Amino acid sequence: MNDNNFLPRTVLITGAARGIGMAIARELDGHFDTLILDDAGVSINGEIENPDIIYNEIKKYNWKSNIIPTNILLNSHESARQIYDLAIENVKSVDILINNAAVLNDKMVFNMTENQWQEVLNSNLNGHFFLTSMISNDFRRNLYGRIINVISSSGLIGDYGQSNYAASKGALFSLTRVWALELAKYGVTVNAIAPFAHTRVTDIIPENTPWLKDYLEKARVADPSSVGKLCKFLISSDGRYITGQLFGIRGDEFYIFSQPRIADIVKGEITQDLFNSAIKKWEDFGLLYPLESDLMYMSKIER
């Protein structure tokens, strides 16, 4: 991909200090005038751990782009406004938004508290919605914009103890579809990425079953830089016509998810026999998938 695919733009990345967020920032560095990197320095479960981490991390690299760091905790309309206002104070407008920040706080549905539910939804979904809502007005005015939502396949497939996390990531994919439809006429593309990479999340998963061990072995060799490369492609002129899609990336593997569409229709009088015959047909066609978690599913995909 040639550098001349890129025009001078401003990119805003949330959750940018570590893992996938920093990998995206490093990959985009030098291709855009300005990178606004936001990270509040929270732990996996959303508690403030090191508010200076974004400032410390950017010192480790020689940047080609202009870097504007900020450590605002994005989890409300107010914090989204703070980030947006900071961006506008420093640049004319934001051209590319990468919604990446996320936290975990796992509990089974029967044990999850209201705070655990709400805090994850605020960080992983609500903050991104409010920030996107504000920035999309600039996109409409400029007749240009790129949005990339970093989701998780657990929001599509599900996983144990992740009612809050899966709900937030599944909703963010649904918003990808809605925003793609709403913003297409303004020259804006909106896509989602379900990454599979070695991050802090994979580091805390215990190897207590054979399939978890297999999953983690695959995860540890999946460098998050590949996620940054996919973001760079979707932002480039080569990706200008791609919108409303969900892509996956795992090391040297690039894949696309099927869109949720009706797979088959059975017509007839609505009776118990019709339901049974339809279920049998769909079982035979492989349309009824076995019940398995996100990690179980991913561990079975051979590299």
C-alpha atoms as a PDB file:
ATOM      1  CA  MET A   1       0.000   0.000   0.000  1.00  0.00           C
ATOM      2  CA  ASN A   2       1.452   3.333  -1.020  1.00  0.00           C
ATOM      3  CA  ASP A   3       1.675   6.247   1.383  1.00  0.00           C
ATOM      4  CA  ASN A   4       0.126   8.507  -1.247  1.00  0.00           C
ATOM      5  CA  ASN A   5      -3.200   6.800  -0.528  1.00  0.00           C
ATOM      6  CA  PHE A   6      -3.404   9.042   2.527  1.00  0.00           C
ATOM      7  CA  LEU A   7      -4.336  12.690   2.799  1.00  0.00           C
ATOM      8  CA  PRO A   8      -3.512  14.963   5.752  1.00  0.00           C
ATOM      9  CA  ARG A   9      -6.076  13.955   8.358  1.00  0.00           C
ATOM     10  CA  THR A  10      -6.622  13.828  12.109  1.00  0.00           C
ATOM     11  CA  VAL A  11      -7.200  10.465  13.776  1.00  0.00           C
ATOM     12  CA  LEU A  12      -8.707   9.989  17.241  1.00  0.00           C
ATOM     13  CA  ILE A  13      -8.059   6.626  18.913  1.00  0.00           C
ATOM     14  CA  THR A  14      -9.556   5.652  22.258  1.00  0.00           C
ATOM     15  CA  GLY A  15      -7.847   3.133  24.530  1.00  0.00           C
ATOM     16  CA  ALA A  16      -4.599   4.002  22.791  1.00  0.00           C
ATOM     17  CA  ALA A  17      -1.889   3.449  25.413  1.00  0.00           C
ATOM     18  CA  ARG A  18      -1.474  -0.310  25.207  1.00  0.00           C
ATOM     19  CA  GLY A  19      -2.192  -3.426  23.194  1.00  0.00           C
ATOM     20  CA  ILE A  20      -4.364  -2.993  20.144  1.00  0.00           C
ATOM     21  CA  GLY A  21      -4.822   0.753  20.600  1.00  0.00           C
ATOM     22  CA  MET A  22      -1.091   1.486  20.644  1.00  0.00           C
ATOM     23  CA  ALA A  23      -0.517  -0.969  17.789  1.00  0.00           C
ATOM     24  CA  ILE A  24      -3.033   0.968  15.681  1.00  0.00           C
ATOM     25  CA  ALA A  25      -1.387   4.270  16.594  1.00  0.00           C
ATOM     26  CA  ARG A  26       2.074   2.991  15.677  1.00  0.00           C
ATOM     27  CA  GLU A  27       0.826   1.683  12.341  1.00  0.00           C
ATOM     28  CA  LEU A  28      -0.882   4.977  11.457  1.00  0.00           C
ATOM     29  CA  ASP A  29       2.020   7.147  12.584  1.00  0.00           C
ATOM     30  CA  GLY A  30       3.512   9.148   9.736  1.00  0.00           C
ATOM     31  CA  HIS A  31       0.479   8.727   7.487  1.00  0.00           C
ATOM     32  CA  PHE A  32      -1.580  11.482   9.118  1.00  0.00           C
ATOM     33  CA  ASP A  33      -0.871  14.960  10.399  1.00  0.00           C
ATOM     34  CA  THR A  34      -2.213  14.371  13.886  1.00  0.00           C
ATOM     35  CA  LEU A  35      -3.016  11.440  16.144  1.00  0.00           C
ATOM     36  CA  ILE A  36      -5.128  12.187  19.207  1.00  0.00           C
ATOM     37  CA  LEU A  37      -4.520   9.335  21.637  1.00  0.00           C
ATOM     38  CA  ASP A  38      -6.860   8.958  24.591  1.00  0.00           C
ATOM     39  CA  ASP A  39      -6.342   6.508  27.445  1.00  0.00           C
ATOM     40  CA  ALA A  40      -7.309   6.956  31.101  1.00  0.00           C
ATOM     41  CA  GLY A  41      -4.929   4.241  32.271  1.00  0.00           C
ATOM     42  CA  VAL A  42      -7.539   1.863  33.608  1.00  0.00           C
ATOM     43  CA  SER A  43      -7.087  -1.746  34.628  1.00  0.00           C
ATOM     44  CA  ILE A  44      -8.858  -4.574  32.828  1.00  0.00           C
ATOM     45  CA  ASN A  45     -11.870  -4.183  35.132  1.00  0.00           C
ATOM     46  CA  GLY A  46     -12.106  -0.425  34.597  1.00  0.00           C
ATOM     47  CA  GLU A  47     -10.438   0.931  37.739  1.00  0.00           C
ATOM     48  CA  ILE A  48      -8.031   3.856  37.348  1.00  0.00           C
ATOM     49  CA  GLU A  49      -4.600   2.232  37.526  1.00  0.00           C
ATOM     50  CA  ASN A  50      -2.101   4.646  35.970  1.00  0.00           C
ATOM     51  CA  PRO A  51      -3.544   7.911  34.594  1.00  0.00           C
ATOM     52  CA  ASP A  52      -0.126   8.893  33.223  1.00  0.00           C
ATOM     53  CA  ILE A  53       0.366   5.790  31.120  1.00  0.00           C
ATOM     54  CA  ILE A  54      -0.502   7.457  27.808  1.00  0.00           C
ATOM     55  CA  TYR A  55       2.090  10.161  28.446  1.00  0.00           C
ATOM     56  CA  ASN A  56       4.709   7.609  29.482  1.00  0.00           C
ATOM     57  CA  GLU A  57       4.054   5.279  26.566  1.00  0.00           C
ATOM     58  CA  ILE A  58       4.308   7.880  23.823  1.00  0.00           C
ATOM     59  CA  LYS A  59       7.778   8.820  25.095  1.00  0.00           C
ATOM     60  CA  LYS A  60       9.024   5.370  24.095  1.00  0.00           C
ATOM     61  CA  TYR A  61       8.763   6.117  20.368  1.00  0.00           C
ATOM     62  CA  ASN A  62       9.975   8.650  17.843  1.00  0.00           C
ATOM     63  CA  TRP A  63       6.738   9.831  16.261  1.00  0.00           C
ATOM     64  CA  LYS A  64       6.413  11.269  12.776  1.00  0.00           C
ATOM     65  CA  SER A  65       2.859  12.525  13.275  1.00  0.00           C
ATOM     66  CA  ASN A  66       1.854  15.255  15.685  1.00  0.00           C
ATOM     67  CA  ILE A  67       0.741  13.447  18.857  1.00  0.00           C
ATOM     68  CA  ILE A  68      -1.890  14.873  21.188  1.00  0.00           C
ATOM     69  CA  PRO A  69      -2.254  12.670  24.277  1.00  0.00           C
ATOM     70  CA  THR A  70      -5.130  12.822  26.742  1.00  0.00           C
ATOM     71  CA  ASN A  71      -6.178  10.691  29.707  1.00  0.00           C
ATOM     72  CA  ILE A  72      -9.907  11.379  29.865  1.00  0.00           C
ATOM     73  CA  LEU A  73     -11.975   8.395  30.991  1.00  0.00           C
ATOM     74  CA  LEU A  74     -14.533   7.973  28.202  1.00  0.00           C
ATOM     75  CA  ASN A  75     -17.692   6.653  29.864  1.00  0.00           C
ATOM     76  CA  SER A  76     -20.330   9.390  29.636  1.00  0.00           C
ATOM     77  CA  HIS A  77     -21.703  12.250  27.556  1.00  0.00           C
ATOM     78  CA  GLU A  78     -19.671  14.694  29.650  1.00  0.00           C
ATOM     79  CA  SER A  79     -16.361  12.884  29.136  1.00  0.00           C
ATOM     80  CA  ALA A  80     -17.091  12.495  25.413  1.00  0.00           C
ATOM     81  CA  ARG A  81     -17.646  16.259  25.255  1.00  0.00           C
ATOM     82  CA  GLN A  82     -14.309  16.836  27.003  1.00  0.00           C
ATOM     83  CA  ILE A  83     -12.463  14.717  24.448  1.00  0.00           C
ATOM     84  CA  TYR A  84     -14.284  16.326  21.545  1.00  0.00           C
ATOM     85  CA  ASP A  85     -13.635  19.845  22.822  1.00  0.00           C
ATOM     86  CA  LEU A  86      -9.947  19.073  23.328  1.00  0.00           C
ATOM     87  CA  ALA A  87      -9.742  17.800  19.755  1.00  0.00           C
ATOM     88  CA  ILE A  88     -11.416  20.895  18.307  1.00  0.00           C
ATOM     89  CA  GLU A  89      -9.174  23.177  20.360  1.00  0.00           C
ATOM     90  CA  ASN A  90      -6.128  21.613  18.722  1.00  0.00           C
ATOM     91  CA  VAL A  91      -7.297  20.713  15.215  1.00  0.00           C
ATOM     92  CA  LYS A  92      -9.960  21.912  12.823  1.00  0.00           C
ATOM     93  CA  SER A  93     -11.899  18.649  12.968  1.00  0.00           C
ATOM     94  CA  VAL A  94     -11.529  14.930  13.538  1.00  0.00           C
ATOM     95  CA  ASP A  95     -11.524  12.953  10.286  1.00  0.00           C
ATOM     96  CA  ILE A  96     -11.088   9.390  11.511  1.00  0.00           C
ATOM     97  CA  LEU A  97     -12.448   7.875  14.729  1.00  0.00           C
ATOM     98  CA  ILE A  98     -11.348   4.506  16.073  1.00  0.00           C
ATOM     99  CA  ASN A  99     -13.528   3.361  18.969  1.00  0.00           C
ATOM    100  CA  ASN A 100     -11.236   0.910  20.719  1.00  0.00           C
ATOM    101  CA  ALA A 101     -11.359   1.471  24.504  1.00  0.00           C
ATOM    102  CA  ALA A 102     -12.966  -1.336  26.495  1.00  0.00           C
ATOM    103  CA  VAL A 103     -13.008  -2.928  29.934  1.00  0.00           C
ATOM    104  CA  LEU A 104     -14.064  -6.277  31.373  1.00  0.00           C
ATOM    105  CA  ASN A 105     -15.826  -7.145  34.622  1.00  0.00           C
ATOM    106  CA  ASP A 106     -17.019 -10.714  34.303  1.00  0.00           C
ATOM    107  CA  LYS A 107     -19.689 -12.354  36.413  1.00  0.00           C
ATOM    108  CA  MET A 108     -22.375 -14.900  35.653  1.00  0.00           C
ATOM    109  CA  VAL A 109     -25.760 -13.311  35.011  1.00  0.00           C
ATOM    110  CA  PHE A 110     -27.076 -14.480  38.386  1.00  0.00           C
ATOM    111  CA  ASN A 111     -24.132 -12.839  40.210  1.00  0.00           C
ATOM    112  CA  MET A 112     -23.628  -9.647  38.199  1.00  0.00           C
ATOM    113  CA  THR A 113     -24.339  -6.433  40.084  1.00  0.00           C
ATOM    114  CA  GLU A 114     -25.940  -3.309  38.694  1.00  0.00           C
ATOM    115  CA  ASN A 115     -22.620  -1.459  38.933  1.00  0.00           C
ATOM    116  CA  GLN A 116     -20.745  -4.199  37.062  1.00  0.00           C
ATOM    117  CA  TRP A 117     -23.319  -4.127  34.300  1.00  0.00           C
ATOM    118  CA  GLN A 118     -23.508  -0.346  34.015  1.00  0.00           C
ATOM    119  CA  GLU A 119     -19.800   0.437  34.237  1.00  0.00           C
ATOM    120  CA  VAL A 120     -18.913  -1.894  31.363  1.00  0.00           C
ATOM    121  CA  LEU A 121     -21.773  -0.582  29.216  1.00  0.00           C
ATOM    122  CA  ASN A 122     -20.723   3.013  29.970  1.00  0.00           C
ATOM    123  CA  SER A 123     -17.097   2.397  29.002  1.00  0.00           C
ATOM    124  CA  ASN A 124     -17.549   0.051  26.047  1.00  0.00           C
ATOM    125  CA  LEU A 125     -20.702   1.453  24.483  1.00  0.00           C
ATOM    126  CA  ASN A 126     -22.193   4.676  25.833  1.00  0.00           C
ATOM    127  CA  GLY A 127     -18.986   6.727  25.729  1.00  0.00           C
ATOM    128  CA  HIS A 128     -18.331   5.654  22.141  1.00  0.00           C
ATOM    129  CA  PHE A 129     -21.879   6.464  21.109  1.00  0.00           C
ATOM    130  CA  PHE A 130     -21.716   9.994  22.513  1.00  0.00           C
ATOM    131  CA  LEU A 131     -18.276  10.682  21.031  1.00  0.00           C
ATOM    132  CA  THR A 132     -19.338   9.375  17.621  1.00  0.00           C
ATOM    133  CA  SER A 133     -22.523  11.427  17.760  1.00  0.00           C
ATOM    134  CA  MET A 134     -20.507  14.605  18.229  1.00  0.00           C
ATOM    135  CA  ILE A 135     -17.824  13.854  15.653  1.00  0.00           C
ATOM    136  CA  SER A 136     -20.300  12.663  13.026  1.00  0.00           C
ATOM    137  CA  ASN A 137     -21.556  16.242  12.692  1.00  0.00           C
ATOM    138  CA  ASP A 138     -18.078  17.198  11.490  1.00  0.00           C
ATOM    139  CA  PHE A 139     -18.139  14.278   9.083  1.00  0.00           C
ATOM    140  CA  ARG A 140     -21.425  15.501   7.602  1.00  0.00           C
ATOM    141  CA  ARG A 141     -20.119  19.012   7.184  1.00  0.00           C
ATOM    142  CA  ASN A 142     -16.843  17.892   5.608  1.00  0.00           C
ATOM    143  CA  LEU A 143     -18.433  15.144   3.480  1.00  0.00           C
ATOM    144  CA  TYR A 144     -15.728  12.787   4.675  1.00  0.00           C
ATOM    145  CA  GLY A 145     -15.167  10.481   7.620  1.00  0.00           C
ATOM    146  CA  ARG A 146     -13.986   7.065   8.704  1.00  0.00           C
ATOM    147  CA  ILE A 147     -15.202   5.145  11.753  1.00  0.00           C
ATOM    148  CA  ILE A 148     -13.774   1.838  12.910  1.00  0.00           C
ATOM    149  CA  ASN A 149     -15.387   0.067  15.864  1.00  0.00           C
ATOM    150  CA  VAL A 150     -13.212  -2.521  17.575  1.00  0.00           C
ATOM    151  CA  ILE A 151     -15.617  -5.166  18.848  1.00  0.00           C
ATOM    152  CA  SER A 152     -15.264  -8.781  19.979  1.00  0.00           C
ATOM    153  CA  SER A 153     -16.574 -12.043  18.639  1.00  0.00           C
ATOM    154  CA  SER A 154     -17.914 -12.699  22.142  1.00  0.00           C
ATOM    155  CA  GLY A 155     -20.500 -10.036  21.307  1.00  0.00           C
ATOM    156  CA  LEU A 156     -21.616 -12.248  18.421  1.00  0.00           C
ATOM    157  CA  ILE A 157     -21.073 -15.752  19.759  1.00  0.00           C
ATOM    158  CA  GLY A 158     -21.174 -15.175  23.515  1.00  0.00           C
ATOM    159  CA  ASP A 159     -18.961 -16.254  26.377  1.00  0.00           C
ATOM    160  CA  TYR A 160     -19.311 -17.291  29.985  1.00  0.00           C
ATOM    161  CA  GLY A 161     -19.742 -14.476  32.505  1.00  0.00           C
ATOM    162  CA  GLN A 162     -19.738 -11.729  29.881  1.00  0.00           C
ATOM    163  CA  SER A 163     -23.315 -10.460  29.812  1.00  0.00           C
ATOM    164  CA  ASN A 164     -22.080  -6.876  30.101  1.00  0.00           C
ATOM    165  CA  TYR A 165     -19.063  -7.170  27.783  1.00  0.00           C
ATOM    166  CA  ALA A 166     -20.891  -9.190  25.115  1.00  0.00           C
ATOM    167  CA  ALA A 167     -23.870  -6.827  25.233  1.00  0.00           C
ATOM    168  CA  SER A 168     -21.631  -3.800  24.731  1.00  0.00           C
ATOM    169  CA  LYS A 169     -19.653  -5.330  21.874  1.00  0.00           C
ATOM    170  CA  GLY A 170     -22.711  -6.784  20.167  1.00  0.00           C
ATOM    171  CA  ALA A 171     -24.420  -3.401  20.394  1.00  0.00           C
ATOM    172  CA  LEU A 172     -21.350  -1.685  18.958  1.00  0.00           C
ATOM    173  CA  PHE A 173     -21.559  -3.945  15.922  1.00  0.00           C
ATOM    174  CA  SER A 174     -25.273  -3.137  15.554  1.00  0.00           C
ATOM    175  CA  LEU A 175     -24.349   0.546  15.662  1.00  0.00           C
ATOM    176  CA  THR A 176     -21.766  -0.109  12.941  1.00  0.00           C
ATOM    177  CA  ARG A 177     -24.598  -1.174  10.649  1.00  0.00           C
ATOM    178  CA  VAL A 178     -26.848   1.730  11.625  1.00  0.00           C
ATOM    179  CA  TRP A 179     -24.126   4.379  11.306  1.00  0.00           C
ATOM    180  CA  ALA A 180     -22.997   2.974   7.956  1.00  0.00           C
ATOM    181  CA  LEU A 181     -26.533   3.420   6.627  1.00  0.00           C
ATOM    182  CA  GLU A 182     -27.045   6.860   8.164  1.00  0.00           C
ATOM    183  CA  LEU A 183     -23.705   8.357   7.116  1.00  0.00           C
ATOM    184  CA  ALA A 184     -23.098   6.808   3.684  1.00  0.00           C
ATOM    185  CA  LYS A 185     -24.525   9.787   1.784  1.00  0.00           C
ATOM    186  CA  TYR A 186     -21.996  12.045   3.512  1.00  0.00           C
ATOM    187  CA  GLY A 187     -18.992  10.092   2.255  1.00  0.00           C
ATOM    188  CA  VAL A 188     -18.462   8.326   5.579  1.00  0.00           C
ATOM    189  CA  THR A 189     -17.571   4.653   5.961  1.00  0.00           C
ATOM    190  CA  VAL A 190     -18.188   2.687   9.152  1.00  0.00           C
ATOM    191  CA  ASN A 191     -16.717  -0.760   9.721  1.00  0.00           C
ATOM    192  CA  ALA A 192     -16.056  -3.097  12.630  1.00  0.00           C
ATOM    193  CA  ILE A 193     -13.093  -5.295  13.475  1.00  0.00           C
ATOM    194  CA  ALA A 194     -13.187  -8.336  15.740  1.00  0.00           C
ATOM    195  CA  PRO A 195      -9.483  -8.741  16.557  1.00  0.00           C
ATOM    196  CA  PHE A 196      -7.720 -11.857  17.735  1.00  0.00           C
ATOM    197  CA  ALA A 197      -4.419 -10.744  19.238  1.00  0.00           C
ATOM    198  CA  HIS A 198      -2.124 -11.004  22.238  1.00  0.00           C
ATOM    199  CA  THR A 199      -3.299  -8.359  24.720  1.00  0.00           C
ATOM    200  CA  ARG A 200      -3.816  -7.886  28.463  1.00  0.00           C
ATOM    201  CA  VAL A 201      -7.091  -9.774  28.108  1.00  0.00           C
ATOM    202  CA  THR A 202      -5.430 -12.952  26.854  1.00  0.00           C
ATOM    203  CA  ASP A 203      -2.805 -12.653  29.596  1.00  0.00           C
ATOM    204  CA  ILE A 204      -5.395 -13.077  32.351  1.00  0.00           C
ATOM    205  CA  ILE A 205      -7.181 -16.123  30.878  1.00  0.00           C
ATOM    206  CA  PRO A 206      -6.257 -19.250  32.879  1.00  0.00           C
ATOM    207  CA  GLU A 207      -5.005 -22.336  31.037  1.00  0.00           C
ATOM    208  CA  ASN A 208      -7.288 -24.715  32.927  1.00  0.00           C
ATOM    209  CA  THR A 209      -8.705 -26.714  29.994  1.00  0.00           C
ATOM    210  CA  PRO A 210      -7.088 -28.210  26.865  1.00  0.00           C
ATOM    211  CA  TRP A 211      -9.048 -25.930  24.527  1.00  0.00           C
ATOM    212  CA  LEU A 212      -8.142 -22.836  26.560  1.00  0.00           C
ATOM    213  CA  LYS A 213      -4.487 -23.806  26.384  1.00  0.00           C
ATOM    214  CA  ASP A 214      -4.833 -24.241  22.617  1.00  0.00           C
ATOM    215  CA  TYR A 215      -6.613 -20.887  22.317  1.00  0.00           C
ATOM    216  CA  LEU A 216      -3.912 -19.058  24.282  1.00  0.00           C
ATOM    217  CA  GLU A 217      -1.100 -20.654  22.303  1.00  0.00           C
ATOM    218  CA  LYS A 218      -2.662 -19.232  19.150  1.00  0.00           C
ATOM    219  CA  ALA A 219      -3.326 -15.870  20.775  1.00  0.00           C
ATOM    220  CA  ARG A 220       0.260 -15.369  21.960  1.00  0.00           C
ATOM    221  CA  VAL A 221       1.620 -15.467  18.428  1.00  0.00           C
ATOM    222  CA  ALA A 222      -1.036 -13.097  17.037  1.00  0.00           C
ATOM    223  CA  ASP A 223       0.700  -9.721  17.063  1.00  0.00           C
ATOM    224  CA  PRO A 224      -1.723  -6.758  17.444  1.00  0.00           C
ATOM    225  CA  SER A 225       0.153  -4.878  14.708  1.00  0.00           C
ATOM    226  CA  SER A 226      -2.006  -6.734  12.185  1.00  0.00           C
ATOM    227  CA  VAL A 227      -5.051  -4.893  13.578  1.00  0.00           C
ATOM    228  CA  GLY A 228      -3.310  -1.591  12.876  1.00  0.00           C
ATOM    229  CA  LYS A 229      -2.559  -2.669   9.322  1.00  0.00           C
ATOM    230  CA  LEU A 230      -6.216  -3.506   8.743  1.00  0.00           C
ATOM    231  CA  CYS A 231      -7.248  -0.118  10.134  1.00  0.00           C
ATOM    232  CA  LYS A 232      -4.785   1.578   7.802  1.00  0.00           C
ATOM    233  CA  PHE A 233      -6.276  -0.245   4.828  1.00  0.00           C
ATOM    234  CA  LEU A 234      -9.882   0.615   5.730  1.00  0.00           C
ATOM    235  CA  ILE A 235      -8.931   4.277   6.151  1.00  0.00           C
ATOM    236  CA  SER A 236      -7.007   4.425   2.874  1.00  0.00           C
ATOM    237  CA  SER A 237      -8.446   5.229  -0.527  1.00  0.00           C
ATOM    238  CA  ASP A 238      -8.449   1.477  -1.235  1.00  0.00           C
ATOM    239  CA  GLY A 239     -11.151   1.072   1.411  1.00  0.00           C
ATOM    240  CA  ARG A 240     -13.277   4.067   0.478  1.00  0.00           C
ATOM    241  CA  TYR A 241     -16.194   1.952  -0.808  1.00  0.00           C
ATOM    242  CA  ILE A 242     -16.219  -0.592   2.056  1.00  0.00           C
ATOM    243  CA  THR A 243     -18.782   0.126   4.764  1.00  0.00           C
ATOM    244  CA  GLY A 244     -21.060  -1.716   7.185  1.00  0.00           C
ATOM    245  CA  GLN A 245     -18.777  -4.773   7.274  1.00  0.00           C
ATOM    246  CA  LEU A 246     -17.322  -6.868  10.072  1.00  0.00           C
ATOM    247  CA  PHE A 247     -13.782  -8.122   9.572  1.00  0.00           C
ATOM    248  CA  GLY A 248     -11.559 -10.355  11.642  1.00  0.00           C
ATOM    249  CA  ILE A 249      -7.784 -10.332  11.840  1.00  0.00           C
ATOM    250  CA  ARG A 250      -5.494 -12.883  13.494  1.00  0.00           C
ATOM    251  CA  GLY A 251      -1.792 -12.609  12.839  1.00  0.00           C
ATOM    252  CA  ASP A 252      -1.411 -13.416   9.152  1.00  0.00           C
ATOM    253  CA  GLU A 253      -5.092 -14.338   8.696  1.00  0.00           C
ATOM    254  CA  PHE A 254      -7.708 -11.894   7.418  1.00  0.00           C
ATOM    255  CA  TYR A 255     -11.352 -12.912   7.332  1.00  0.00           C
ATOM    256  CA  ILE A 256     -14.856 -11.520   6.960  1.00  0.00           C
ATOM    257  CA  PHE A 257     -17.931 -12.404   9.004  1.00  0.00           C
ATOM    258  CA  SER A 258     -21.211 -13.185   7.302  1.00  0.00           C
ATOM    259  CA  GLN A 259     -23.928 -10.593   7.717  1.00  0.00           C
ATOM    260  CA  PRO A 260     -26.920 -11.616   9.848  1.00  0.00           C
ATOM    261  CA  ARG A 261     -29.452 -12.567   7.215  1.00  0.00           C
ATOM    262  CA  ILE A 262     -32.269 -15.116   6.946  1.00  0.00           C
ATOM    263  CA  ALA A 263     -30.585 -18.420   6.113  1.00  0.00           C
ATOM    264  CA  ASP A 264     -33.641 -20.415   5.039  1.00  0.00           C
ATOM    265  CA  ILE A 265     -37.448 -20.221   5.008  1.00  0.00           C
ATOM    266  CA  VAL A 266     -39.904 -23.073   5.462  1.00  0.00           C
ATOM    267  CA  LYS A 267     -43.487 -22.400   4.383  1.00  0.00           C
ATOM    268  CA  GLY A 268     -46.671 -24.189   5.387  1.00  0.00           C
ATOM    269  CA  GLU A 269     -49.365 -24.349   7.990  1.00  0.00           C
ATOM    270  CA  ILE A 270     -47.906 -23.261  11.324  1.00  0.00           C
ATOM    271  CA  THR A 271     -48.056 -26.521  13.275  1.00  0.00           C
ATOM    272  CA  GLN A 272     -45.782 -28.597  15.501  1.00  0.00           C
ATOM    273  CA  ASP A 273     -44.977 -30.779  12.492  1.00  0.00           C
ATOM    274  CA  LEU A 274     -43.798 -27.753  10.490  1.00  0.00           C
ATOM    275  CA  PHE A 275     -41.494 -26.687  13.337  1.00  0.00           C
ATOM    276  CA  ASN A 276     -40.072 -30.205  13.661  1.00  0.00           C
ATOM    277  CA  SER A 277     -39.504 -30.595   9.926  1.00  0.00           C
ATOM    278  CA  ALA A 278     -37.852 -27.185   9.721  1.00  0.00           C
ATOM    279  CA  ILE A 279     -35.535 -27.951  12.643  1.00  0.00           C
ATOM    280  CA  LYS A 280     -34.579 -31.295  11.081  1.00  0.00           C
ATOM    281  CA  LYS A 281     -33.851 -29.614   7.748  1.00  0.00           C
ATOM    282  CA  TRP A 282     -31.720 -26.921   9.369  1.00  0.00           C
ATOM    283  CA  GLU A 283     -29.805 -29.512  11.384  1.00  0.00           C
ATOM    284  CA  ASP A 284     -29.066 -31.447   8.195  1.00  0.00           C
ATOM    285  CA  PHE A 285     -27.944 -28.247   6.420  1.00  0.00           C
ATOM    286  CA  GLY A 286     -25.692 -27.255   9.310  1.00  0.00           C
ATOM    287  CA  LEU A 287     -27.698 -24.128  10.045  1.00  0.00           C
ATOM    288  CA  LEU A 288     -28.197 -24.961  13.723  1.00  0.00           C
ATOM    289  CA  TYR A 289     -24.809 -24.332  15.285  1.00  0.00           C
ATOM    290  CA  PRO A 290     -23.578 -26.170  18.373  1.00  0.00           C
ATOM    291  CA  LEU A 291     -23.598 -24.257  21.626  1.00  0.00           C
ATOM    292  CA  GLU A 292     -20.033 -23.178  22.386  1.00  0.00           C
ATOM    293  CA  SER A 293     -18.326 -20.133  23.787  1.00  0.00           C
ATOM    294  CA  ASP A 294     -16.278 -17.633  21.856  1.00  0.00           C
ATOM    295  CA  LEU A 295     -13.036 -19.083  23.204  1.00  0.00           C
ATOM    296  CA  MET A 296     -14.075 -22.661  22.390  1.00  0.00           C
ATOM    297  CA  TYR A 297     -14.963 -21.645  18.851  1.00  0.00           C
ATOM    298  CA  MET A 298     -11.758 -19.705  18.244  1.00  0.00           C
ATOM    299  CA  SER A 299      -9.568 -22.452  19.689  1.00  0.00           C
ATOM    300  CA  LYS A 300     -10.811 -24.893  17.036  1.00  0.00           C
ATOM    301  CA  ILE A 301      -9.891 -22.694  14.068  1.00  0.00           C
ATOM    302  CA  GLU A 302      -6.616 -24.042  12.730  1.00  0.00           C
ATOM    303  CA  ARG A 303      -3.878 -21.634  11.779  1.00  0.00           C
END
